[in-house]
Amino acid sequence: MFQGEFSNNMDDKGRVSIPASFRDVLNNCHADGKITITRSHNTPCLIAYPTREWNRLQNVIKEMPANIKRHYIRAVITPSQSFTPDRQGRVLLAAGLREHASLSRSVHFAGTGETFEIWDKSCWDAQLQADLLALQDFELDM
């Protein structure tokens, strides 16, 4: 499971290092250690899917209504890139993906369970504040 928050710097070529704990999850819990990174359809970030979760998403897409499926494929599937991180744990993000997430030098990784998100640090900070505000009156029954 991907959990935790980490920040890394992206270099001028668009390479960023996947956090070590996320690489450990990929290598220990996902047989091929690969991830597919694509844009989120509803937030200004990228989502990284291990192969198993990417395949699960493909199956969900098959069941979508045709008009939604077409939009989703164009927005999410078309720009996706598959990676095996290099020896330093880096991936090279395409310019279109970096633009969607407004990625600058400071990149923030957020574990979301079976996937993880990649944010521009300042965008993450703003989104987190909005999420906390939206949850301020919510009480979790446990």
C-alpha atoms as a PDB file:
ATOM      1  CA  MET A   1       0.000   0.000   0.000  1.00  0.00           C
ATOM      2  CA  PHE A   2       1.261   3.447  -0.909  1.00  0.00           C
ATOM      3  CA  GLN A   3       1.031   5.796   2.043  1.00  0.00           C
ATOM      4  CA  GLY A   4       2.858   8.851   3.225  1.00  0.00           C
ATOM      5  CA  GLU A   5       3.940  12.152   1.711  1.00  0.00           C
ATOM      6  CA  PHE A   6       7.319  12.907   0.180  1.00  0.00           C
ATOM      7  CA  SER A   7       8.843  15.765  -1.755  1.00  0.00           C
ATOM      8  CA  ASN A   8      11.612  15.502  -4.345  1.00  0.00           C
ATOM      9  CA  ASN A   9      13.088  17.887  -6.864  1.00  0.00           C
ATOM     10  CA  MET A  10      12.548  17.415 -10.571  1.00  0.00           C
ATOM     11  CA  ASP A  11      15.538  18.122 -12.798  1.00  0.00           C
ATOM     12  CA  ASP A  12      15.537  20.317 -15.900  1.00  0.00           C
ATOM     13  CA  LYS A  13      14.896  17.292 -18.147  1.00  0.00           C
ATOM     14  CA  GLY A  14      11.716  16.349 -16.273  1.00  0.00           C
ATOM     15  CA  ARG A  15      13.207  13.463 -14.308  1.00  0.00           C
ATOM     16  CA  VAL A  16      12.032  12.905 -10.762  1.00  0.00           C
ATOM     17  CA  SER A  17      12.906  10.198  -8.282  1.00  0.00           C
ATOM     18  CA  ILE A  18      10.076   8.046  -6.989  1.00  0.00           C
ATOM     19  CA  PRO A  19      10.324   7.958  -3.160  1.00  0.00           C
ATOM     20  CA  ALA A  20      12.206   4.935  -1.835  1.00  0.00           C
ATOM     21  CA  SER A  21       9.256   3.663   0.206  1.00  0.00           C
ATOM     22  CA  PHE A  22       7.036   3.738  -2.904  1.00  0.00           C
ATOM     23  CA  ARG A  23       9.720   1.860  -4.887  1.00  0.00           C
ATOM     24  CA  ASP A  24       9.814  -0.709  -2.076  1.00  0.00           C
ATOM     25  CA  VAL A  25       6.056  -1.234  -2.420  1.00  0.00           C
ATOM     26  CA  LEU A  26       6.440  -1.616  -6.186  1.00  0.00           C
ATOM     27  CA  ASN A  27       9.229  -4.160  -5.826  1.00  0.00           C
ATOM     28  CA  ASN A  28       7.769  -6.112  -2.894  1.00  0.00           C
ATOM     29  CA  CYS A  29       4.046  -6.098  -3.687  1.00  0.00           C
ATOM     30  CA  HIS A  30       3.910  -5.809  -7.468  1.00  0.00           C
ATOM     31  CA  ALA A  31       5.682  -8.518  -9.440  1.00  0.00           C
ATOM     32  CA  ASP A  32       7.000  -6.454 -12.341  1.00  0.00           C
ATOM     33  CA  GLY A  33       7.881  -3.242 -10.438  1.00  0.00           C
ATOM     34  CA  LYS A  34       6.370  -1.128 -13.231  1.00  0.00           C
ATOM     35  CA  ILE A  35       4.108   1.887 -12.971  1.00  0.00           C
ATOM     36  CA  THR A  36       1.936   3.723 -15.447  1.00  0.00           C
ATOM     37  CA  ILE A  37       1.690   7.450 -14.874  1.00  0.00           C
ATOM     38  CA  THR A  38      -1.068   9.558 -16.354  1.00  0.00           C
ATOM     39  CA  ARG A  39      -3.095  12.666 -15.670  1.00  0.00           C
ATOM     40  CA  SER A  40      -5.946  12.750 -13.222  1.00  0.00           C
ATOM     41  CA  HIS A  41      -9.238  13.484 -14.951  1.00  0.00           C
ATOM     42  CA  ASN A  42     -10.523  15.695 -12.115  1.00  0.00           C
ATOM     43  CA  THR A  43      -7.566  17.233 -10.276  1.00  0.00           C
ATOM     44  CA  PRO A  44      -4.360  18.985 -11.411  1.00  0.00           C
ATOM     45  CA  CYS A  45      -2.069  16.073 -10.581  1.00  0.00           C
ATOM     46  CA  LEU A  46      -0.713  12.849 -12.015  1.00  0.00           C
ATOM     47  CA  ILE A  47      -1.646   9.369 -10.834  1.00  0.00           C
ATOM     48  CA  ALA A  48       0.807   6.461 -10.765  1.00  0.00           C
ATOM     49  CA  TYR A  49      -0.700   2.991 -11.151  1.00  0.00           C
ATOM     50  CA  PRO A  50       1.169  -0.269 -10.551  1.00  0.00           C
ATOM     51  CA  THR A  51       0.455  -2.743 -13.366  1.00  0.00           C
ATOM     52  CA  ARG A  52      -2.261  -4.594 -11.420  1.00  0.00           C
ATOM     53  CA  GLU A  53      -4.171  -1.361 -10.730  1.00  0.00           C
ATOM     54  CA  TRP A  54      -3.686  -0.137 -14.304  1.00  0.00           C
ATOM     55  CA  ASN A  55      -5.212  -3.392 -15.560  1.00  0.00           C
ATOM     56  CA  ARG A  56      -8.085  -2.975 -13.099  1.00  0.00           C
ATOM     57  CA  LEU A  57      -8.696   0.553 -14.452  1.00  0.00           C
ATOM     58  CA  GLN A  58      -8.745  -0.823 -18.017  1.00  0.00           C
ATOM     59  CA  ASN A  59     -11.500  -3.240 -16.992  1.00  0.00           C
ATOM     60  CA  VAL A  60     -13.529  -0.437 -15.396  1.00  0.00           C
ATOM     61  CA  ILE A  61     -13.200   1.624 -18.569  1.00  0.00           C
ATOM     62  CA  LYS A  62     -14.602  -1.239 -20.648  1.00  0.00           C
ATOM     63  CA  GLU A  63     -17.840  -0.988 -18.653  1.00  0.00           C
ATOM     64  CA  MET A  64     -18.253   2.801 -19.025  1.00  0.00           C
ATOM     65  CA  PRO A  65     -21.009   4.238 -21.231  1.00  0.00           C
ATOM     66  CA  ALA A  66     -19.608   4.834 -24.736  1.00  0.00           C
ATOM     67  CA  ASN A  67     -19.771   8.635 -24.586  1.00  0.00           C
ATOM     68  CA  ILE A  68     -17.926   8.799 -21.233  1.00  0.00           C
ATOM     69  CA  LYS A  69     -15.476   6.073 -22.252  1.00  0.00           C
ATOM     70  CA  ARG A  70     -14.319   8.078 -25.273  1.00  0.00           C
ATOM     71  CA  HIS A  71     -13.665  11.190 -23.136  1.00  0.00           C
ATOM     72  CA  TYR A  72     -11.943   9.185 -20.419  1.00  0.00           C
ATOM     73  CA  ILE A  73      -9.675   7.388 -22.872  1.00  0.00           C
ATOM     74  CA  ARG A  74      -8.606  10.664 -24.460  1.00  0.00           C
ATOM     75  CA  ALA A  75      -8.050  12.382 -21.116  1.00  0.00           C
ATOM     76  CA  VAL A  76      -6.431   9.562 -19.150  1.00  0.00           C
ATOM     77  CA  ILE A  77      -5.319   6.628 -21.309  1.00  0.00           C
ATOM     78  CA  THR A  78      -3.858   8.512 -24.270  1.00  0.00           C
ATOM     79  CA  PRO A  79      -1.246  10.531 -22.315  1.00  0.00           C
ATOM     80  CA  SER A  80      -0.181   7.627 -20.082  1.00  0.00           C
ATOM     81  CA  GLN A  81       3.420   6.454 -19.860  1.00  0.00           C
ATOM     82  CA  SER A  82       4.679   3.154 -18.461  1.00  0.00           C
ATOM     83  CA  PHE A  83       7.934   3.033 -16.528  1.00  0.00           C
ATOM     84  CA  THR A  84      10.332   0.854 -14.692  1.00  0.00           C
ATOM     85  CA  PRO A  85      12.209   3.382 -12.545  1.00  0.00           C
ATOM     86  CA  ASP A  86      15.951   3.533 -13.331  1.00  0.00           C
ATOM     87  CA  ARG A  87      18.648   2.538 -10.807  1.00  0.00           C
ATOM     88  CA  GLN A  88      18.262   5.884  -9.028  1.00  0.00           C
ATOM     89  CA  GLY A  89      14.484   5.392  -8.911  1.00  0.00           C
ATOM     90  CA  ARG A  90      13.868   8.124 -11.491  1.00  0.00           C
ATOM     91  CA  VAL A  91      11.243   8.438 -14.207  1.00  0.00           C
ATOM     92  CA  LEU A  92      11.176  10.944 -17.053  1.00  0.00           C
ATOM     93  CA  LEU A  93       7.782  12.652 -17.182  1.00  0.00           C
ATOM     94  CA  ALA A  94       6.569  13.826 -20.587  1.00  0.00           C
ATOM     95  CA  ALA A  95       6.053  17.545 -21.067  1.00  0.00           C
ATOM     96  CA  GLY A  96       2.278  17.126 -21.457  1.00  0.00           C
ATOM     97  CA  LEU A  97       1.994  15.359 -18.127  1.00  0.00           C
ATOM     98  CA  ARG A  98       4.179  17.958 -16.419  1.00  0.00           C
ATOM     99  CA  GLU A  99       2.006  20.723 -17.888  1.00  0.00           C
ATOM    100  CA  HIS A 100      -1.245  19.121 -16.721  1.00  0.00           C
ATOM    101  CA  ALA A 101       0.022  18.986 -13.137  1.00  0.00           C
ATOM    102  CA  SER A 102       1.820  22.369 -13.381  1.00  0.00           C
ATOM    103  CA  LEU A 103       4.938  20.598 -12.146  1.00  0.00           C
ATOM    104  CA  SER A 104       7.824  22.856 -11.318  1.00  0.00           C
ATOM    105  CA  ARG A 105      11.013  21.955  -9.512  1.00  0.00           C
ATOM    106  CA  SER A 106       9.405  20.897  -6.209  1.00  0.00           C
ATOM    107  CA  VAL A 107       7.318  17.753  -6.715  1.00  0.00           C
ATOM    108  CA  HIS A 108       5.141  16.206  -4.009  1.00  0.00           C
ATOM    109  CA  PHE A 109       4.201  12.516  -3.823  1.00  0.00           C
ATOM    110  CA  ALA A 110       1.069  11.478  -1.930  1.00  0.00           C
ATOM    111  CA  GLY A 111       0.250   7.850  -1.212  1.00  0.00           C
ATOM    112  CA  THR A 112      -3.401   7.028  -1.835  1.00  0.00           C
ATOM    113  CA  GLY A 113      -3.508   3.312  -1.107  1.00  0.00           C
ATOM    114  CA  GLU A 114      -3.256   1.261  -4.287  1.00  0.00           C
ATOM    115  CA  THR A 115      -1.925   4.235  -6.300  1.00  0.00           C
ATOM    116  CA  PHE A 116      -0.028   7.431  -5.618  1.00  0.00           C
ATOM    117  CA  GLU A 117      -0.386  10.997  -6.808  1.00  0.00           C
ATOM    118  CA  ILE A 118       2.279  13.352  -8.103  1.00  0.00           C
ATOM    119  CA  TRP A 119       1.657  17.059  -7.463  1.00  0.00           C
ATOM    120  CA  ASP A 120       3.407  20.364  -7.802  1.00  0.00           C
ATOM    121  CA  LYS A 121       4.218  21.165  -4.165  1.00  0.00           C
ATOM    122  CA  SER A 122       2.363  24.509  -4.122  1.00  0.00           C
ATOM    123  CA  CYS A 123      -0.706  22.956  -5.805  1.00  0.00           C
ATOM    124  CA  TRP A 124      -0.632  20.139  -3.239  1.00  0.00           C
ATOM    125  CA  ASP A 125      -0.532  22.608  -0.369  1.00  0.00           C
ATOM    126  CA  ALA A 126      -3.568  24.457  -1.751  1.00  0.00           C
ATOM    127  CA  GLN A 127      -5.489  21.223  -2.416  1.00  0.00           C
ATOM    128  CA  LEU A 128      -4.738  19.882   1.049  1.00  0.00           C
ATOM    129  CA  GLN A 129      -6.054  23.086   2.640  1.00  0.00           C
ATOM    130  CA  ALA A 130      -9.239  22.824   0.543  1.00  0.00           C
ATOM    131  CA  ASP A 131      -9.649  19.157   1.535  1.00  0.00           C
ATOM    132  CA  LEU A 132      -9.165  19.940   5.230  1.00  0.00           C
ATOM    133  CA  LEU A 133     -11.693  22.773   5.003  1.00  0.00           C
ATOM    134  CA  ALA A 134     -14.224  20.493   3.279  1.00  0.00           C
ATOM    135  CA  LEU A 135     -13.780  17.936   6.077  1.00  0.00           C
ATOM    136  CA  GLN A 136     -13.874  20.297   9.046  1.00  0.00           C
ATOM    137  CA  ASP A 137     -17.438  19.353  10.054  1.00  0.00           C
ATOM    138  CA  PHE A 138     -17.172  15.674   9.155  1.00  0.00           C
ATOM    139  CA  GLU A 139     -17.024  13.208  12.030  1.00  0.00           C
ATOM    140  CA  LEU A 140     -15.789   9.709  11.362  1.00  0.00           C
ATOM    141  CA  ASP A 141     -17.668   7.028  13.280  1.00  0.00           C
ATOM    142  CA  MET A 142     -15.309   4.280  14.397  1.00  0.00           C
END
